[in-house]
Amino acid sequence: MDRPAPKTVRRRFFVGLARAIHVAWPILSVILVIQVALGLPIGFVEGWSVGDAIYFTFVTGLTIGYGDMVPRQALGRVLAIGVGLSGLFLTGLITGIAVYALHTALIDGDVERT
């Protein structure tokens, strides 16, 4: 079996990535809107700026959680759980998109040649 050139694999990967993002964009955008819709009230309850609230939302949602900003109020903590759960879905979807693109670049590319 001949291996395709790295340039070809890279091109196939980015084509597959663009295709997958195009298909999954409605779901991705809904998850992002949910995260922001949960993160802004957390910032309001905690007295943070909008920038800090968005920062907290995505650091928490991407399961990084530096711990530099922590909600102290009960409502903020409950909403942070929602941000974390939606972040798990976001991370899973992004991982699925990357796996699809890699599969397209490596496996489906071989099928196209035969």
C-alpha atoms as a PDB file:
ATOM      1  CA  MET A   1       0.000   0.000   0.000  1.00  0.00           C
ATOM      2  CA  ASP A   2       1.408   3.363  -1.042  1.00  0.00           C
ATOM      3  CA  ARG A   3       1.360   6.106   1.538  1.00  0.00           C
ATOM      4  CA  PRO A   4      -0.001   9.422   0.339  1.00  0.00           C
ATOM      5  CA  ALA A   5       2.263  12.431   0.541  1.00  0.00           C
ATOM      6  CA  PRO A   6       1.999  14.445   3.768  1.00  0.00           C
ATOM      7  CA  LYS A   7       0.790  17.422   1.759  1.00  0.00           C
ATOM      8  CA  THR A   8      -2.081  15.335   0.375  1.00  0.00           C
ATOM      9  CA  VAL A   9      -3.038  14.037   3.817  1.00  0.00           C
ATOM     10  CA  ARG A  10      -2.936  17.569   5.210  1.00  0.00           C
ATOM     11  CA  ARG A  11      -5.184  18.836   2.409  1.00  0.00           C
ATOM     12  CA  ARG A  12      -7.654  15.980   2.913  1.00  0.00           C
ATOM     13  CA  PHE A  13      -7.660  16.633   6.654  1.00  0.00           C
ATOM     14  CA  PHE A  14      -8.520  20.304   6.269  1.00  0.00           C
ATOM     15  CA  VAL A  15     -11.187  19.551   3.658  1.00  0.00           C
ATOM     16  CA  GLY A  16     -12.734  16.982   6.024  1.00  0.00           C
ATOM     17  CA  LEU A  17     -12.439  19.424   8.929  1.00  0.00           C
ATOM     18  CA  ALA A  18     -14.205  22.170   6.986  1.00  0.00           C
ATOM     19  CA  ARG A  19     -16.941  19.751   5.907  1.00  0.00           C
ATOM     20  CA  ALA A  20     -17.504  18.514   9.462  1.00  0.00           C
ATOM     21  CA  ILE A  21     -17.563  22.026  10.933  1.00  0.00           C
ATOM     22  CA  HIS A  22     -20.068  23.062   8.265  1.00  0.00           C
ATOM     23  CA  VAL A  23     -22.355  20.167   9.175  1.00  0.00           C
ATOM     24  CA  ALA A  24     -21.954  20.543  12.955  1.00  0.00           C
ATOM     25  CA  TRP A  25     -22.036  24.349  13.048  1.00  0.00           C
ATOM     26  CA  PRO A  26     -25.697  24.614  14.153  1.00  0.00           C
ATOM     27  CA  ILE A  27     -24.988  22.364  17.143  1.00  0.00           C
ATOM     28  CA  LEU A  28     -21.679  24.078  17.931  1.00  0.00           C
ATOM     29  CA  SER A  29     -23.301  27.498  17.866  1.00  0.00           C
ATOM     30  CA  VAL A  30     -26.159  26.398  20.137  1.00  0.00           C
ATOM     31  CA  ILE A  31     -23.691  25.002  22.686  1.00  0.00           C
ATOM     32  CA  LEU A  32     -21.655  28.222  22.582  1.00  0.00           C
ATOM     33  CA  VAL A  33     -24.804  30.335  23.042  1.00  0.00           C
ATOM     34  CA  ILE A  34     -25.855  28.157  25.988  1.00  0.00           C
ATOM     35  CA  GLN A  35     -22.458  28.611  27.586  1.00  0.00           C
ATOM     36  CA  VAL A  36     -22.533  32.383  27.210  1.00  0.00           C
ATOM     37  CA  ALA A  37     -26.166  32.485  28.389  1.00  0.00           C
ATOM     38  CA  LEU A  38     -25.110  30.668  31.559  1.00  0.00           C
ATOM     39  CA  GLY A  39     -21.818  32.520  31.997  1.00  0.00           C
ATOM     40  CA  LEU A  40     -23.120  36.079  31.832  1.00  0.00           C
ATOM     41  CA  PRO A  41     -25.525  35.629  34.775  1.00  0.00           C
ATOM     42  CA  ILE A  42     -22.672  34.079  36.757  1.00  0.00           C
ATOM     43  CA  GLY A  43     -20.633  37.205  36.119  1.00  0.00           C
ATOM     44  CA  PHE A  44     -23.554  39.431  37.083  1.00  0.00           C
ATOM     45  CA  VAL A  45     -24.214  37.536  40.336  1.00  0.00           C
ATOM     46  CA  GLU A  46     -20.526  37.543  41.228  1.00  0.00           C
ATOM     47  CA  GLY A  47     -19.953  41.179  40.274  1.00  0.00           C
ATOM     48  CA  TRP A  48     -17.471  40.382  37.493  1.00  0.00           C
ATOM     49  CA  SER A  49     -17.017  42.326  34.267  1.00  0.00           C
ATOM     50  CA  VAL A  50     -18.424  40.903  31.033  1.00  0.00           C
ATOM     51  CA  GLY A  51     -14.906  39.998  29.902  1.00  0.00           C
ATOM     52  CA  ASP A  52     -14.226  38.138  33.130  1.00  0.00           C
ATOM     53  CA  ALA A  53     -17.546  36.306  32.853  1.00  0.00           C
ATOM     54  CA  ILE A  54     -16.771  35.184  29.287  1.00  0.00           C
ATOM     55  CA  TYR A  55     -13.249  34.178  30.329  1.00  0.00           C
ATOM     56  CA  PHE A  56     -14.597  32.139  33.246  1.00  0.00           C
ATOM     57  CA  THR A  57     -17.218  30.537  31.012  1.00  0.00           C
ATOM     58  CA  PHE A  58     -14.762  29.218  28.458  1.00  0.00           C
ATOM     59  CA  VAL A  59     -12.042  28.247  30.913  1.00  0.00           C
ATOM     60  CA  THR A  60     -14.667  26.262  32.821  1.00  0.00           C
ATOM     61  CA  GLY A  61     -16.471  24.997  29.723  1.00  0.00           C
ATOM     62  CA  LEU A  62     -13.303  23.670  28.150  1.00  0.00           C
ATOM     63  CA  THR A  63     -12.640  21.855  31.444  1.00  0.00           C
ATOM     64  CA  ILE A  64      -9.398  23.742  32.035  1.00  0.00           C
ATOM     65  CA  GLY A  65     -10.510  25.365  35.276  1.00  0.00           C
ATOM     66  CA  TYR A  66      -7.507  27.423  36.363  1.00  0.00           C
ATOM     67  CA  GLY A  67      -9.215  28.349  39.631  1.00  0.00           C
ATOM     68  CA  ASP A  68      -8.322  32.026  39.391  1.00  0.00           C
ATOM     69  CA  MET A  69     -12.028  32.909  39.234  1.00  0.00           C
ATOM     70  CA  VAL A  70     -14.452  30.929  41.365  1.00  0.00           C
ATOM     71  CA  PRO A  71     -18.148  31.615  41.897  1.00  0.00           C
ATOM     72  CA  ARG A  72     -18.940  32.214  45.568  1.00  0.00           C
ATOM     73  CA  GLN A  73     -22.733  32.566  45.351  1.00  0.00           C
ATOM     74  CA  ALA A  74     -24.966  29.468  45.276  1.00  0.00           C
ATOM     75  CA  LEU A  75     -26.664  30.538  42.022  1.00  0.00           C
ATOM     76  CA  GLY A  76     -23.283  31.104  40.389  1.00  0.00           C
ATOM     77  CA  ARG A  77     -22.141  27.644  41.396  1.00  0.00           C
ATOM     78  CA  VAL A  78     -25.297  25.998  40.054  1.00  0.00           C
ATOM     79  CA  LEU A  79     -24.936  27.832  36.744  1.00  0.00           C
ATOM     80  CA  ALA A  80     -21.236  26.861  36.625  1.00  0.00           C
ATOM     81  CA  ILE A  81     -22.310  23.211  36.693  1.00  0.00           C
ATOM     82  CA  GLY A  82     -24.376  23.907  33.569  1.00  0.00           C
ATOM     83  CA  VAL A  83     -21.378  25.575  31.937  1.00  0.00           C
ATOM     84  CA  GLY A  84     -19.239  22.537  32.759  1.00  0.00           C
ATOM     85  CA  LEU A  85     -21.776  20.069  31.380  1.00  0.00           C
ATOM     86  CA  SER A  86     -22.242  22.024  28.161  1.00  0.00           C
ATOM     87  CA  GLY A  87     -18.456  22.214  27.927  1.00  0.00           C
ATOM     88  CA  LEU A  88     -18.265  18.433  27.973  1.00  0.00           C
ATOM     89  CA  PHE A  89     -20.613  18.332  24.983  1.00  0.00           C
ATOM     90  CA  LEU A  90     -18.546  20.998  23.229  1.00  0.00           C
ATOM     91  CA  THR A  91     -15.309  19.107  23.853  1.00  0.00           C
ATOM     92  CA  GLY A  92     -16.859  15.846  22.657  1.00  0.00           C
ATOM     93  CA  LEU A  93     -18.194  17.449  19.506  1.00  0.00           C
ATOM     94  CA  ILE A  94     -14.856  19.064  18.692  1.00  0.00           C
ATOM     95  CA  THR A  95     -13.121  15.735  19.257  1.00  0.00           C
ATOM     96  CA  GLY A  96     -15.615  13.984  16.981  1.00  0.00           C
ATOM     97  CA  ILE A  97     -15.042  16.565  14.265  1.00  0.00           C
ATOM     98  CA  ALA A  98     -11.272  16.086  14.481  1.00  0.00           C
ATOM     99  CA  VAL A  99     -11.588  12.289  14.374  1.00  0.00           C
ATOM    100  CA  TYR A 100     -13.876  12.524  11.342  1.00  0.00           C
ATOM    101  CA  ALA A 101     -11.381  14.787   9.558  1.00  0.00           C
ATOM    102  CA  LEU A 102      -8.480  12.459  10.360  1.00  0.00           C
ATOM    103  CA  HIS A 103     -10.490   9.431   9.221  1.00  0.00           C
ATOM    104  CA  THR A 104     -11.329  11.241   5.996  1.00  0.00           C
ATOM    105  CA  ALA A 105      -7.679  12.125   5.431  1.00  0.00           C
ATOM    106  CA  LEU A 106      -6.249   8.675   6.113  1.00  0.00           C
ATOM    107  CA  ILE A 107      -8.909   6.056   5.393  1.00  0.00           C
ATOM    108  CA  ASP A 108     -11.353   7.575   2.924  1.00  0.00           C
ATOM    109  CA  GLY A 109      -8.482   8.926   0.872  1.00  0.00           C
ATOM    110  CA  ASP A 110      -7.336   5.337   0.198  1.00  0.00           C
ATOM    111  CA  VAL A 111     -10.823   4.373  -0.962  1.00  0.00           C
ATOM    112  CA  GLU A 112     -10.910   7.240  -3.452  1.00  0.00           C
ATOM    113  CA  ARG A 113      -7.779   5.969  -5.190  1.00  0.00           C
ATOM    114  CA  THR A 114      -8.964   2.374  -5.682  1.00  0.00           C
END
